[in-house]
Amino acid sequence: MAQQPKTPAGLARHLGRVAREARQKAGLTQAEAAERIGLATEVYGRLERGNMLPSLPTLLRLCRALAVDANPLLGFSASQPPEWLTLEAPAEDEPPAMRRLLRTVRQLKPRQLTALSSAASAMLPASAAPASHDVRQPAQ
């Protein structure tokens, strides 16, 4: 099985690909599958393209309509959980304050990240400052 990304978008793409394969195997059009599931054809199309994840009740109806088990749709057909489900364990020597800071930094916009990078570099002693890594992002 191909490795899956560790993001909801990766799960959505995987689910859409497997749903498309199941629908085609069943010999259904998108409109027919959407009708059986109780979705608008446009919504079902977005699901197959990986642009959305279904709700749990919709996932159940999808499984019934396409006669497919939920495990392959969610990437659980391998003996190991898919990569998108595996959470990265924090480094054992990483203090909780560092993990909190990293969670916050990951939510910053490019301009904010650039400003934070400049401020952090200014706090370092001159001998410890990294070589000029330009992290600037295009202005938004």
N, C-alpha and C. Protein backbone atom coordinates (compact mmCIF):
# COMPACT_ATOMS: atom_id res chain seq x y z
N MET A 1 0.85 -1.18 0.00
CA MET A 1 0.00 0.00 0.00
C MET A 1 0.89 1.24 0.00
N ALA A 2 0.51 2.23 -0.77
CA ALA A 2 1.27 3.47 -0.83
C ALA A 2 1.20 4.19 0.50
N GLN A 3 2.25 4.90 0.82
CA GLN A 3 2.26 5.66 2.06
C GLN A 3 1.30 6.84 1.93
N GLN A 4 0.62 7.12 3.01
CA GLN A 4 -0.35 8.19 3.02
C GLN A 4 0.21 9.41 3.74
N PRO A 5 -0.13 10.61 3.28
CA PRO A 5 0.31 11.81 3.98
C PRO A 5 -0.28 11.87 5.38
N LYS A 6 0.34 12.65 6.24
CA LYS A 6 -0.08 12.75 7.63
C LYS A 6 -1.05 13.89 7.86
N THR A 7 -1.88 14.20 6.89
CA THR A 7 -2.77 15.34 7.01
C THR A 7 -4.20 14.94 6.67
N PRO A 8 -5.19 15.72 7.15
CA PRO A 8 -6.57 15.45 6.73
C PRO A 8 -6.73 15.53 5.21
N ALA A 9 -5.97 16.42 4.56
CA ALA A 9 -6.05 16.52 3.10
C ALA A 9 -5.53 15.23 2.47
N GLY A 10 -4.50 14.66 3.05
CA GLY A 10 -3.98 13.39 2.54
C GLY A 10 -4.99 12.28 2.70
N LEU A 11 -5.67 12.26 3.83
CA LEU A 11 -6.72 11.27 4.05
C LEU A 11 -7.84 11.47 3.04
N ALA A 12 -8.22 12.72 2.80
CA ALA A 12 -9.30 13.01 1.85
C ALA A 12 -8.93 12.53 0.45
N ARG A 13 -7.68 12.76 0.03
CA ARG A 13 -7.24 12.29 -1.30
C ARG A 13 -7.27 10.77 -1.37
N HIS A 14 -6.78 10.12 -0.31
CA HIS A 14 -6.77 8.66 -0.28
C HIS A 14 -8.20 8.12 -0.34
N LEU A 15 -9.09 8.64 0.51
CA LEU A 15 -10.46 8.19 0.54
C LEU A 15 -11.12 8.40 -0.82
N GLY A 16 -10.89 9.54 -1.43
CA GLY A 16 -11.47 9.82 -2.74
C GLY A 16 -11.01 8.85 -3.80
N ARG A 17 -9.71 8.52 -3.78
CA ARG A 17 -9.16 7.59 -4.77
C ARG A 17 -9.77 6.21 -4.60
N VAL A 18 -9.86 5.73 -3.35
CA VAL A 18 -10.42 4.40 -3.09
C VAL A 18 -11.91 4.38 -3.42
N ALA A 19 -12.63 5.45 -3.10
CA ALA A 19 -14.06 5.52 -3.42
C ALA A 19 -14.27 5.49 -4.93
N ARG A 20 -13.43 6.21 -5.68
CA ARG A 20 -13.54 6.21 -7.14
C ARG A 20 -13.32 4.81 -7.70
N GLU A 21 -12.28 4.14 -7.19
CA GLU A 21 -11.99 2.78 -7.66
C GLU A 21 -13.16 1.85 -7.35
N ALA A 22 -13.74 1.95 -6.15
CA ALA A 22 -14.87 1.10 -5.77
C ALA A 22 -16.09 1.40 -6.63
N ARG A 23 -16.32 2.69 -6.90
CA ARG A 23 -17.47 3.07 -7.74
C ARG A 23 -17.32 2.52 -9.14
N GLN A 24 -16.12 2.67 -9.71
CA GLN A 24 -15.88 2.17 -11.06
C GLN A 24 -15.99 0.65 -11.11
N LYS A 25 -15.50 -0.02 -10.09
CA LYS A 25 -15.61 -1.48 -10.02
C LYS A 25 -17.07 -1.92 -9.97
N ALA A 26 -17.90 -1.12 -9.28
CA ALA A 26 -19.33 -1.41 -9.19
C ALA A 26 -20.07 -1.03 -10.46
N GLY A 27 -19.39 -0.36 -11.38
CA GLY A 27 -20.01 0.04 -12.64
C GLY A 27 -21.01 1.17 -12.51
N LEU A 28 -20.77 2.05 -11.55
CA LEU A 28 -21.68 3.17 -11.31
C LEU A 28 -21.08 4.47 -11.82
N THR A 29 -21.95 5.38 -12.22
CA THR A 29 -21.50 6.74 -12.52
C THR A 29 -21.46 7.51 -11.21
N GLN A 30 -20.85 8.68 -11.23
CA GLN A 30 -20.85 9.51 -10.02
C GLN A 30 -22.28 9.87 -9.62
N ALA A 31 -23.11 10.15 -10.59
CA ALA A 31 -24.50 10.52 -10.29
C ALA A 31 -25.24 9.36 -9.62
N GLU A 32 -25.02 8.15 -10.12
CA GLU A 32 -25.67 6.99 -9.52
C GLU A 32 -25.18 6.75 -8.09
N ALA A 33 -23.87 6.85 -7.89
CA ALA A 33 -23.31 6.66 -6.55
C ALA A 33 -23.84 7.74 -5.61
N ALA A 34 -23.86 8.97 -6.07
CA ALA A 34 -24.34 10.08 -5.25
C ALA A 34 -25.79 9.86 -4.84
N GLU A 35 -26.61 9.39 -5.78
CA GLU A 35 -28.03 9.14 -5.48
C GLU A 35 -28.16 8.04 -4.43
N ARG A 36 -27.39 6.97 -4.55
CA ARG A 36 -27.46 5.88 -3.58
C ARG A 36 -27.01 6.32 -2.18
N ILE A 37 -26.06 7.25 -2.15
CA ILE A 37 -25.52 7.73 -0.87
C ILE A 37 -26.40 8.81 -0.27
N GLY A 38 -27.14 9.50 -1.13
CA GLY A 38 -27.99 10.60 -0.65
C GLY A 38 -27.26 11.93 -0.67
N LEU A 39 -26.35 12.07 -1.64
CA LEU A 39 -25.59 13.31 -1.79
C LEU A 39 -25.90 13.94 -3.14
N ALA A 40 -25.67 15.23 -3.25
CA ALA A 40 -25.72 15.88 -4.55
C ALA A 40 -24.52 15.39 -5.36
N THR A 41 -24.70 15.26 -6.66
CA THR A 41 -23.62 14.76 -7.52
C THR A 41 -22.37 15.61 -7.38
N GLU A 42 -22.54 16.93 -7.25
CA GLU A 42 -21.39 17.83 -7.12
C GLU A 42 -20.62 17.56 -5.83
N VAL A 43 -21.34 17.27 -4.77
CA VAL A 43 -20.71 16.98 -3.48
C VAL A 43 -19.95 15.67 -3.57
N TYR A 44 -20.57 14.66 -4.18
CA TYR A 44 -19.88 13.38 -4.34
C TYR A 44 -18.61 13.56 -5.19
N GLY A 45 -18.69 14.38 -6.21
CA GLY A 45 -17.52 14.64 -7.05
C GLY A 45 -16.39 15.26 -6.25
N ARG A 46 -16.71 16.19 -5.36
CA ARG A 46 -15.68 16.80 -4.50
C ARG A 46 -15.05 15.75 -3.59
N LEU A 47 -15.89 14.83 -3.11
CA LEU A 47 -15.38 13.76 -2.25
C LEU A 47 -14.38 12.90 -3.02
N GLU A 48 -14.74 12.50 -4.24
CA GLU A 48 -13.84 11.66 -5.05
C GLU A 48 -12.56 12.39 -5.43
N ARG A 49 -12.63 13.69 -5.62
CA ARG A 49 -11.43 14.45 -5.97
C ARG A 49 -10.54 14.71 -4.75
N GLY A 50 -11.01 14.32 -3.59
CA GLY A 50 -10.21 14.51 -2.38
C GLY A 50 -10.29 15.91 -1.82
N ASN A 51 -11.34 16.63 -2.16
CA ASN A 51 -11.49 18.00 -1.67
C ASN A 51 -12.29 18.10 -0.38
N MET A 52 -12.79 16.96 0.10
CA MET A 52 -13.57 16.98 1.34
C MET A 52 -13.57 15.59 1.95
N LEU A 53 -13.84 15.55 3.25
CA LEU A 53 -14.02 14.30 3.96
C LEU A 53 -15.50 14.15 4.29
N PRO A 54 -16.04 12.95 4.18
CA PRO A 54 -17.45 12.77 4.51
C PRO A 54 -17.65 12.74 6.02
N SER A 55 -18.86 13.05 6.43
CA SER A 55 -19.22 12.87 7.84
C SER A 55 -19.28 11.37 8.10
N LEU A 56 -19.34 10.99 9.35
CA LEU A 56 -19.40 9.58 9.69
C LEU A 56 -20.66 8.91 9.12
N PRO A 57 -21.85 9.52 9.25
CA PRO A 57 -23.03 8.89 8.64
C PRO A 57 -22.90 8.78 7.11
N THR A 58 -22.31 9.77 6.48
CA THR A 58 -22.12 9.71 5.03
C THR A 58 -21.12 8.62 4.68
N LEU A 59 -20.07 8.46 5.47
CA LEU A 59 -19.10 7.40 5.24
C LEU A 59 -19.78 6.04 5.30
N LEU A 60 -20.66 5.85 6.26
CA LEU A 60 -21.39 4.60 6.39
C LEU A 60 -22.26 4.35 5.15
N ARG A 61 -22.98 5.38 4.70
CA ARG A 61 -23.81 5.23 3.48
C ARG A 61 -22.94 4.97 2.26
N LEU A 62 -21.76 5.60 2.20
CA LEU A 62 -20.82 5.39 1.10
C LEU A 62 -20.38 3.93 1.06
N CYS A 63 -20.04 3.38 2.22
CA CYS A 63 -19.62 1.98 2.30
C CYS A 63 -20.72 1.05 1.82
N ARG A 64 -21.95 1.31 2.25
CA ARG A 64 -23.08 0.47 1.83
C ARG A 64 -23.35 0.59 0.34
N ALA A 65 -23.35 1.82 -0.17
CA ALA A 65 -23.67 2.04 -1.58
C ALA A 65 -22.64 1.43 -2.51
N LEU A 66 -21.37 1.48 -2.12
CA LEU A 66 -20.31 0.97 -2.99
C LEU A 66 -19.87 -0.44 -2.61
N ALA A 67 -20.53 -1.00 -1.59
CA ALA A 67 -20.20 -2.34 -1.10
C ALA A 67 -18.70 -2.46 -0.81
N VAL A 68 -18.20 -1.48 -0.05
CA VAL A 68 -16.79 -1.47 0.31
C VAL A 68 -16.67 -1.29 1.82
N ASP A 69 -15.72 -1.99 2.40
CA ASP A 69 -15.46 -1.87 3.83
C ASP A 69 -14.82 -0.51 4.11
N ALA A 70 -15.08 0.05 5.26
CA ALA A 70 -14.51 1.36 5.62
C ALA A 70 -13.00 1.30 5.80
N ASN A 71 -12.47 0.14 6.17
CA ASN A 71 -11.02 0.05 6.41
C ASN A 71 -10.18 0.48 5.21
N PRO A 72 -10.43 -0.03 4.00
CA PRO A 72 -9.62 0.45 2.86
C PRO A 72 -9.83 1.95 2.59
N LEU A 73 -11.06 2.44 2.79
CA LEU A 73 -11.31 3.86 2.57
C LEU A 73 -10.46 4.71 3.52
N LEU A 74 -10.26 4.21 4.73
CA LEU A 74 -9.49 4.95 5.73
C LEU A 74 -8.03 4.55 5.76
N GLY A 75 -7.65 3.62 4.89
CA GLY A 75 -6.25 3.23 4.79
C GLY A 75 -5.84 2.16 5.79
N PHE A 76 -6.81 1.41 6.33
CA PHE A 76 -6.49 0.40 7.33
C PHE A 76 -6.37 -1.01 6.75
N SER A 77 -6.10 -1.14 5.49
CA SER A 77 -6.03 -2.48 4.92
C SER A 77 -4.67 -3.15 5.15
N ALA A 78 -3.70 -2.41 5.58
CA ALA A 78 -2.38 -2.97 5.86
C ALA A 78 -2.32 -3.42 7.31
N SER A 79 -1.32 -4.23 7.62
CA SER A 79 -1.17 -4.69 8.99
C SER A 79 -0.75 -3.56 9.92
N GLN A 80 -0.16 -2.52 9.37
CA GLN A 80 0.25 -1.35 10.14
C GLN A 80 -0.69 -0.20 9.80
N PRO A 81 -0.94 0.71 10.73
CA PRO A 81 -1.78 1.86 10.39
C PRO A 81 -1.11 2.69 9.30
N PRO A 82 -1.92 3.38 8.48
CA PRO A 82 -1.34 4.20 7.42
C PRO A 82 -0.49 5.32 8.00
N GLU A 83 0.43 5.81 7.20
CA GLU A 83 1.36 6.84 7.67
C GLU A 83 0.63 8.11 8.08
N TRP A 84 -0.49 8.47 7.39
CA TRP A 84 -1.18 9.70 7.74
C TRP A 84 -1.75 9.64 9.14
N LEU A 85 -1.97 8.41 9.66
CA LEU A 85 -2.53 8.27 10.98
C LEU A 85 -1.46 8.29 12.07
N THR A 86 -0.26 7.94 11.71
CA THR A 86 0.82 7.85 12.68
C THR A 86 1.23 9.24 13.12
N LEU A 87 1.18 9.46 14.41
CA LEU A 87 1.59 10.75 14.95
C LEU A 87 3.07 10.70 15.27
N GLU A 88 3.74 11.76 14.97
CA GLU A 88 5.15 11.83 15.29
C GLU A 88 5.31 12.05 16.78
N ALA A 89 6.10 11.19 17.41
CA ALA A 89 6.36 11.36 18.84
C ALA A 89 7.36 12.48 19.02
N PRO A 90 7.14 13.34 20.00
CA PRO A 90 8.10 14.41 20.23
C PRO A 90 9.44 13.81 20.68
N ALA A 91 10.49 14.52 20.39
CA ALA A 91 11.81 14.07 20.84
C ALA A 91 11.79 13.96 22.36
N GLU A 92 12.39 12.89 22.86
CA GLU A 92 12.34 12.66 24.30
C GLU A 92 13.02 13.77 25.09
N ASP A 93 14.03 14.38 24.51
CA ASP A 93 14.75 15.42 25.23
C ASP A 93 14.16 16.81 25.00
N GLU A 94 13.04 16.87 24.26
CA GLU A 94 12.42 18.16 23.95
C GLU A 94 11.51 18.57 25.11
N PRO A 95 11.78 19.72 25.72
CA PRO A 95 10.96 20.15 26.86
C PRO A 95 9.54 20.54 26.41
N PRO A 96 8.57 20.43 27.30
CA PRO A 96 7.19 20.78 26.96
C PRO A 96 7.06 22.21 26.43
N ALA A 97 7.85 23.14 26.95
CA ALA A 97 7.77 24.53 26.47
C ALA A 97 8.14 24.62 24.99
N MET A 98 9.10 23.80 24.57
CA MET A 98 9.51 23.80 23.15
C MET A 98 8.37 23.24 22.30
N ARG A 99 7.72 22.20 22.76
CA ARG A 99 6.61 21.62 21.99
C ARG A 99 5.46 22.62 21.86
N ARG A 100 5.17 23.35 22.96
CA ARG A 100 4.11 24.37 22.91
C ARG A 100 4.47 25.47 21.91
N LEU A 101 5.74 25.90 21.96
CA LEU A 101 6.19 26.94 21.04
C LEU A 101 6.08 26.48 19.59
N LEU A 102 6.49 25.26 19.32
CA LEU A 102 6.41 24.74 17.95
C LEU A 102 4.96 24.65 17.47
N ARG A 103 4.04 24.24 18.34
CA ARG A 103 2.63 24.20 17.95
C ARG A 103 2.14 25.59 17.57
N THR A 104 2.56 26.59 18.32
CA THR A 104 2.16 27.97 18.04
C THR A 104 2.80 28.46 16.73
N VAL A 105 4.08 28.18 16.56
CA VAL A 105 4.80 28.63 15.36
C VAL A 105 4.17 28.04 14.10
N ARG A 106 3.72 26.81 14.15
CA ARG A 106 3.12 26.15 12.98
C ARG A 106 1.84 26.84 12.53
N GLN A 107 1.24 27.66 13.38
CA GLN A 107 0.01 28.35 13.03
C GLN A 107 0.25 29.75 12.47
N LEU A 108 1.49 30.18 12.45
CA LEU A 108 1.80 31.54 11.98
C LEU A 108 1.69 31.65 10.47
N LYS A 109 1.37 32.85 10.03
CA LYS A 109 1.37 33.17 8.61
C LYS A 109 2.80 33.45 8.19
N PRO A 110 3.11 33.39 6.89
CA PRO A 110 4.49 33.59 6.43
C PRO A 110 5.14 34.87 6.94
N ARG A 111 4.42 35.98 6.95
CA ARG A 111 5.00 37.25 7.43
C ARG A 111 5.32 37.17 8.92
N GLN A 112 4.42 36.56 9.68
CA GLN A 112 4.65 36.41 11.11
C GLN A 112 5.85 35.50 11.36
N LEU A 113 5.97 34.45 10.57
CA LEU A 113 7.09 33.52 10.71
C LEU A 113 8.41 34.23 10.41
N THR A 114 8.42 35.08 9.41
CA THR A 114 9.63 35.83 9.08
C THR A 114 10.01 36.77 10.23
N ALA A 115 9.01 37.45 10.80
CA ALA A 115 9.29 38.36 11.91
C ALA A 115 9.80 37.59 13.13
N LEU A 116 9.20 36.45 13.42
CA LEU A 116 9.64 35.64 14.55
C LEU A 116 11.06 35.12 14.33
N SER A 117 11.36 34.71 13.12
CA SER A 117 12.69 34.23 12.80
C SER A 117 13.74 35.33 13.01
N SER A 118 13.42 36.53 12.58
CA SER A 118 14.34 37.65 12.77
C SER A 118 14.54 37.96 14.24
N ALA A 119 13.45 37.95 15.01
CA ALA A 119 13.55 38.22 16.45
C ALA A 119 14.36 37.13 17.15
N ALA A 120 14.12 35.87 16.79
CA ALA A 120 14.86 34.77 17.41
C ALA A 120 16.34 34.84 17.06
N SER A 121 16.66 35.18 15.83
CA SER A 121 18.07 35.31 15.42
C SER A 121 18.75 36.44 16.18
N ALA A 122 18.02 37.52 16.42
CA ALA A 122 18.60 38.66 17.14
C ALA A 122 18.89 38.30 18.60
N MET A 123 18.20 37.33 19.15
CA MET A 123 18.41 36.92 20.54
C MET A 123 19.65 36.04 20.72
N LEU A 124 20.11 35.45 19.63
CA LEU A 124 21.28 34.56 19.71
C LEU A 124 22.57 35.37 19.82
N PRO A 125 23.57 34.85 20.54
CA PRO A 125 24.88 35.50 20.54
C PRO A 125 25.44 35.48 19.11
N ALA A 126 26.25 36.44 18.78
CA ALA A 126 26.78 36.56 17.41
C ALA A 126 27.46 35.28 16.95
N SER A 127 28.16 34.58 17.84
CA SER A 127 28.87 33.37 17.43
C SER A 127 27.90 32.21 17.18
N ALA A 128 26.70 32.24 17.77
CA ALA A 128 25.75 31.14 17.60
C ALA A 128 24.73 31.42 16.51
N ALA A 129 24.71 32.64 15.98
CA ALA A 129 23.72 32.99 14.96
C ALA A 129 23.99 32.18 13.70
N PRO A 130 22.96 31.60 13.10
CA PRO A 130 23.14 30.83 11.88
C PRO A 130 23.54 31.72 10.72
N ALA A 131 24.19 31.12 9.74
CA ALA A 131 24.52 31.86 8.52
C ALA A 131 23.22 32.37 7.95
N SER A 132 23.27 33.45 7.23
CA SER A 132 22.03 34.10 6.79
C SER A 132 21.18 33.15 5.98
N HIS A 133 20.17 32.63 6.64
CA HIS A 133 19.17 31.81 5.97
C HIS A 133 18.00 32.73 5.69
N ASP A 134 17.75 32.99 4.44
CA ASP A 134 16.67 33.91 4.11
C ASP A 134 15.37 33.12 4.13
N VAL A 135 14.53 33.37 5.13
CA VAL A 135 13.26 32.66 5.26
C VAL A 135 12.10 33.54 4.82
N ARG A 136 12.40 34.61 4.14
CA ARG A 136 11.33 35.53 3.75
C ARG A 136 10.38 34.84 2.77
N GLN A 137 9.13 35.15 2.94
CA GLN A 137 8.07 34.65 2.10
C GLN A 137 7.52 35.83 1.30
N PRO A 138 6.89 35.54 0.18
CA PRO A 138 6.29 36.64 -0.58
C PRO A 138 5.28 37.37 0.28
N ALA A 139 5.20 38.68 0.10
CA ALA A 139 4.24 39.50 0.85
C ALA A 139 2.83 39.06 0.50
N GLN A 140 1.97 39.13 1.49
CA GLN A 140 0.57 38.74 1.24
C GLN A 140 -0.31 39.94 1.29
